[in-house]
Amino acid sequence: MTGQEVAVVVGVGPGLGWALVRRFAAAGMQVAMAARTRARLDALLESEPLARVRGYACDATDPGAVAGLFDQVERELGLPDLVVFNAGTYQPGGILEIDPADFERCWRIGCYGGFLVGQAAARRMIPRGRGTILFTGATASLRGRAGFASLAVPKFGLRALAQCMARELGPKGIHVAHVVIDGQIRSERHEPMLAQHGPDALLEPEAVAEVYDRLHRQPRSAWTQELDLRPWVERF
């Protein structure tokens, strides 16, 4: 363990999750990145080795696995100063077609997992009276579209969780914020959009990660509870 700040990012893939890990490591933090399987994390570290980063396998919907993750991080890196819940999934489909098992799976990953991670983080931060917990939201956190119930319902719930936690934990010194990602984050599969709409059509993951880092460093007299991010070309 070191005297450096410790960040935990749950839900790391090649997009925003990896950008968050890279940004926090660049800021000098020890970073624990977690995903359901280690293979994805190992591939990211092979593509760009980062000295202050460790990967952990964790099923965010399993209370025991989440508790085990935070226990292991505490032993190996120290108590978390910053925790980001970035996990989520969805299965498009109309109300009449959605498989109940798919709906439950999306809710468990996108909302229940956020509760487990947020609770585990808060339990370790409250005794010290400081820390930051950030939740990744989406346009679906604010508006439910036809065909996207399995995304909007978990995201609505995650937003409510963030509000409840902010009001409960703020007086205890814990900064809780919810970030609405209102647009598509750039990835290889979205490259055609750039050709059609120009270079500003997508959110750059590095730019989003910079905002998360700034949220963590906000002074207590001016905390943000919720903010939204979008490309300037995005309609809203």
Protein backbone atom coordinates (compact mmCIF):
# COMPACT_ATOMS: atom_id res chain seq x y z
CA MET A 1 0.00 0.00 0.00
CA THR A 2 1.11 3.58 -0.63
CA GLY A 3 0.09 7.06 0.37
CA GLN A 4 -1.36 7.70 -3.08
CA GLU A 5 -5.07 8.11 -3.68
CA VAL A 6 -6.91 4.93 -4.66
CA ALA A 7 -9.57 4.77 -7.37
CA VAL A 8 -11.88 1.84 -8.11
CA VAL A 9 -13.63 1.66 -11.49
CA VAL A 10 -16.29 -1.04 -11.81
CA GLY A 11 -17.41 -1.79 -15.36
CA VAL A 12 -14.28 -1.38 -17.46
CA GLY A 13 -14.25 -1.99 -21.18
CA PRO A 14 -12.36 -0.44 -24.09
CA GLY A 15 -14.47 2.76 -24.07
CA LEU A 16 -15.20 5.09 -21.16
CA GLY A 17 -14.10 2.61 -18.50
CA TRP A 18 -10.60 2.34 -19.91
CA ALA A 19 -10.41 6.11 -20.42
CA LEU A 20 -11.28 6.59 -16.74
CA VAL A 21 -8.59 4.15 -15.66
CA ARG A 22 -5.99 5.88 -17.81
CA ARG A 23 -6.99 9.35 -16.57
CA PHE A 24 -6.87 8.43 -12.90
CA ALA A 25 -3.53 6.67 -13.33
CA ALA A 26 -2.16 9.73 -15.12
CA ALA A 27 -3.27 11.80 -12.11
CA GLY A 28 -1.03 9.65 -9.90
CA MET A 29 -3.71 7.43 -8.40
CA GLN A 30 -3.49 3.71 -7.72
CA VAL A 31 -6.32 2.27 -9.84
CA ALA A 32 -8.30 -0.94 -9.40
CA MET A 33 -10.30 -1.75 -12.52
CA ALA A 34 -12.98 -4.40 -12.40
CA ALA A 35 -15.02 -6.30 -14.96
CA ARG A 36 -16.94 -9.55 -14.99
CA THR A 37 -13.94 -11.41 -16.47
CA ARG A 38 -10.19 -10.76 -16.29
CA ALA A 39 -9.62 -11.51 -19.99
CA ARG A 40 -10.96 -8.12 -21.07
CA LEU A 41 -8.83 -6.31 -18.51
CA ASP A 42 -5.70 -8.27 -19.37
CA ALA A 43 -6.15 -7.39 -23.04
CA LEU A 44 -6.37 -3.69 -22.21
CA LEU A 45 -3.23 -3.80 -20.08
CA GLU A 46 -1.40 -5.71 -22.80
CA SER A 47 -2.28 -2.98 -25.29
CA GLU A 48 -1.06 -0.27 -22.92
CA PRO A 49 0.74 -1.36 -19.74
CA LEU A 50 0.07 0.98 -16.81
CA ALA A 51 2.23 0.67 -13.72
CA ARG A 52 -0.33 1.91 -11.19
CA VAL A 53 -3.25 -0.22 -12.44
CA ARG A 54 -4.47 -3.64 -11.34
CA GLY A 55 -7.29 -5.69 -12.80
CA TYR A 56 -9.89 -7.61 -10.80
CA ALA A 57 -12.65 -9.96 -11.87
CA CYS A 58 -15.95 -9.08 -10.20
CA ASP A 59 -19.60 -9.81 -10.87
CA ALA A 60 -21.20 -6.53 -9.79
CA THR A 61 -24.54 -8.26 -9.22
CA ASP A 62 -23.09 -10.61 -6.58
CA PRO A 63 -22.94 -9.09 -3.07
CA GLY A 64 -20.17 -11.46 -2.02
CA ALA A 65 -18.09 -10.71 -5.09
CA VAL A 66 -18.44 -6.95 -4.60
CA ALA A 67 -17.50 -7.17 -0.93
CA GLY A 68 -14.56 -9.39 -1.87
CA LEU A 69 -13.39 -6.88 -4.46
CA PHE A 70 -13.31 -4.02 -1.98
CA ASP A 71 -11.62 -6.18 0.66
CA GLN A 72 -8.92 -7.19 -1.81
CA VAL A 73 -8.40 -3.63 -3.03
CA GLU A 74 -8.08 -2.43 0.56
CA ARG A 75 -5.44 -5.08 1.29
CA GLU A 76 -3.45 -4.49 -1.88
CA LEU A 77 -3.86 -0.77 -2.58
CA GLY A 78 -5.60 0.85 0.37
CA LEU A 79 -8.99 2.35 1.14
CA PRO A 80 -10.74 3.88 -1.90
CA ASP A 81 -10.83 7.65 -2.31
CA LEU A 82 -12.82 7.51 -5.57
CA VAL A 83 -15.25 4.84 -6.77
CA VAL A 84 -16.92 4.89 -10.18
CA PHE A 85 -19.81 2.62 -11.14
CA ASN A 86 -19.73 2.38 -14.92
CA ALA A 87 -21.41 -0.98 -15.55
CA GLY A 88 -24.52 -1.41 -17.63
CA THR A 89 -26.19 -3.35 -20.40
CA TYR A 90 -29.48 -3.44 -22.25
CA GLN A 91 -31.55 -5.63 -24.53
CA PRO A 92 -33.65 -3.64 -27.03
CA GLY A 93 -37.21 -4.75 -27.46
CA GLY A 94 -40.82 -3.74 -27.16
CA ILE A 95 -42.82 -4.33 -23.99
CA LEU A 96 -44.60 -7.31 -25.54
CA GLU A 97 -41.37 -8.94 -26.72
CA ILE A 98 -38.94 -8.39 -23.82
CA ASP A 99 -37.96 -11.63 -22.12
CA PRO A 100 -38.49 -11.18 -18.36
CA ALA A 101 -35.12 -12.81 -17.70
CA ASP A 102 -33.40 -10.26 -19.96
CA PHE A 103 -35.22 -7.40 -18.25
CA GLU A 104 -34.15 -8.63 -14.82
CA ARG A 105 -30.55 -9.15 -15.98
CA CYS A 106 -30.36 -5.57 -17.30
CA TRP A 107 -31.78 -4.21 -14.03
CA ARG A 108 -29.42 -6.30 -11.91
CA ILE A 109 -26.34 -5.10 -13.80
CA GLY A 110 -27.37 -1.49 -14.32
CA CYS A 111 -29.09 -0.68 -11.02
CA TYR A 112 -28.68 -3.40 -8.40
CA GLY A 113 -24.97 -3.53 -9.15
CA GLY A 114 -24.77 0.21 -8.60
CA PHE A 115 -26.39 -0.21 -5.19
CA LEU A 116 -23.94 -2.94 -4.17
CA VAL A 117 -20.89 -0.99 -5.34
CA GLY A 118 -22.14 2.29 -3.85
CA GLN A 119 -22.91 0.65 -0.52
CA ALA A 120 -19.52 -1.05 -0.35
CA ALA A 121 -17.76 2.21 -1.18
CA ALA A 122 -19.75 4.20 1.39
CA ARG A 123 -19.00 1.71 4.16
CA ARG A 124 -15.28 2.30 3.64
CA MET A 125 -15.45 6.07 3.14
CA ILE A 126 -17.73 7.14 5.99
CA PRO A 127 -15.27 6.31 8.81
CA ARG A 128 -12.72 8.66 7.20
CA GLY A 129 -15.32 11.32 6.41
CA ARG A 130 -14.26 11.74 2.78
CA GLY A 131 -14.49 10.17 -0.65
CA THR A 132 -16.19 10.42 -4.02
CA ILE A 133 -18.73 8.03 -5.57
CA LEU A 134 -19.67 8.60 -9.22
CA PHE A 135 -22.38 6.87 -11.27
CA THR A 136 -22.50 6.78 -15.07
CA GLY A 137 -25.95 7.58 -16.41
CA ALA A 138 -27.35 8.06 -19.91
CA THR A 139 -30.04 9.88 -21.84
CA ALA A 140 -32.25 7.00 -20.70
CA SER A 141 -31.78 8.17 -17.10
CA LEU A 142 -34.13 11.05 -17.95
CA ARG A 143 -36.38 9.80 -20.75
CA GLY A 144 -37.84 6.38 -21.48
CA ARG A 145 -38.03 5.66 -25.21
CA ALA A 146 -40.18 3.07 -26.93
CA GLY A 147 -38.22 -0.15 -27.21
CA PHE A 148 -35.71 0.75 -24.47
CA ALA A 149 -37.47 -0.19 -21.22
CA SER A 150 -34.65 -2.55 -20.23
CA LEU A 151 -32.23 0.37 -20.40
CA ALA A 152 -34.38 3.20 -19.06
CA VAL A 153 -35.69 1.37 -15.99
CA PRO A 154 -32.21 0.52 -14.60
CA LYS A 155 -30.91 3.99 -15.47
CA PHE A 156 -33.88 5.72 -13.80
CA GLY A 157 -33.24 3.61 -10.72
CA LEU A 158 -29.52 4.36 -10.72
CA ARG A 159 -30.26 8.08 -10.87
CA ALA A 160 -32.64 7.78 -7.90
CA LEU A 161 -29.99 5.84 -6.00
CA ALA A 162 -27.43 8.58 -6.65
CA GLN A 163 -29.83 11.26 -5.39
CA CYS A 164 -30.65 9.31 -2.22
CA MET A 165 -26.99 8.64 -1.53
CA ALA A 166 -25.97 12.25 -2.16
CA ARG A 167 -28.49 13.56 0.36
CA GLU A 168 -27.62 10.93 2.94
CA LEU A 169 -23.84 10.86 2.54
CA GLY A 170 -23.07 14.48 1.72
CA PRO A 171 -23.31 15.56 5.38
CA LYS A 172 -20.88 12.73 6.17
CA GLY A 173 -18.27 14.15 3.79
CA ILE A 174 -18.93 11.85 0.83
CA HIS A 175 -19.44 13.44 -2.58
CA VAL A 176 -21.94 11.48 -4.70
CA ALA A 177 -22.59 12.55 -8.30
CA HIS A 178 -24.49 11.20 -11.30
CA VAL A 179 -23.20 11.88 -14.82
CA VAL A 180 -25.72 11.82 -17.67
CA ILE A 181 -23.96 10.79 -20.88
CA ASP A 182 -26.33 12.32 -23.43
CA GLY A 183 -24.87 11.02 -26.68
CA GLN A 184 -22.74 8.27 -28.15
CA ILE A 185 -19.21 7.77 -26.85
CA ARG A 186 -16.68 7.34 -29.60
CA SER A 187 -15.65 3.79 -30.43
CA GLU A 188 -14.70 1.87 -33.56
CA ARG A 189 -18.29 0.89 -34.26
CA HIS A 190 -19.33 4.55 -34.30
CA GLU A 191 -16.72 5.71 -36.81
CA PRO A 192 -19.31 5.96 -39.65
CA MET A 193 -21.07 8.69 -37.66
CA LEU A 194 -17.93 10.82 -37.79
CA ALA A 195 -17.77 10.52 -41.56
CA GLN A 196 -21.39 11.58 -41.81
CA HIS A 197 -21.65 14.28 -39.14
CA GLY A 198 -18.09 15.49 -38.54
CA PRO A 199 -15.47 15.08 -35.80
CA ASP A 200 -17.65 16.52 -33.02
CA ALA A 201 -20.54 14.10 -33.48
CA LEU A 202 -19.37 11.79 -30.69
CA LEU A 203 -18.24 12.20 -27.10
CA GLU A 204 -14.51 11.59 -26.78
CA PRO A 205 -13.97 9.13 -23.90
CA GLU A 206 -10.86 11.00 -22.74
CA ALA A 207 -12.84 14.25 -22.51
CA VAL A 208 -15.54 12.54 -20.44
CA ALA A 209 -12.91 11.00 -18.16
CA GLU A 210 -11.44 14.46 -17.57
CA VAL A 211 -14.81 15.61 -16.23
CA TYR A 212 -15.00 12.67 -13.83
CA ASP A 213 -11.57 13.57 -12.49
CA ARG A 214 -12.65 17.19 -11.98
CA LEU A 215 -15.76 16.05 -10.12
CA HIS A 216 -13.57 14.14 -7.71
CA ARG A 217 -11.48 17.25 -7.06
CA GLN A 218 -14.32 19.72 -6.53
CA PRO A 219 -14.17 21.73 -3.28
CA ARG A 220 -16.83 20.80 -0.74
CA SER A 221 -18.37 24.25 -0.91
CA ALA A 222 -19.32 23.70 -4.57
CA TRP A 223 -20.18 20.05 -5.14
CA THR A 224 -22.06 18.90 -8.24
CA GLN A 225 -24.74 16.25 -7.73
CA GLU A 226 -25.66 15.80 -11.39
CA LEU A 227 -24.33 17.02 -14.70
CA ASP A 228 -24.94 16.14 -18.31
CA LEU A 229 -22.41 15.80 -21.10
CA ARG A 230 -23.03 15.84 -24.83
CA PRO A 231 -21.34 16.89 -28.09
CA TRP A 232 -22.31 20.42 -29.07
CA VAL A 233 -23.99 19.02 -32.18
CA GLU A 234 -26.31 16.80 -30.12
CA ARG A 235 -29.94 17.91 -29.98
CA PHE A 236 -31.53 18.07 -26.51
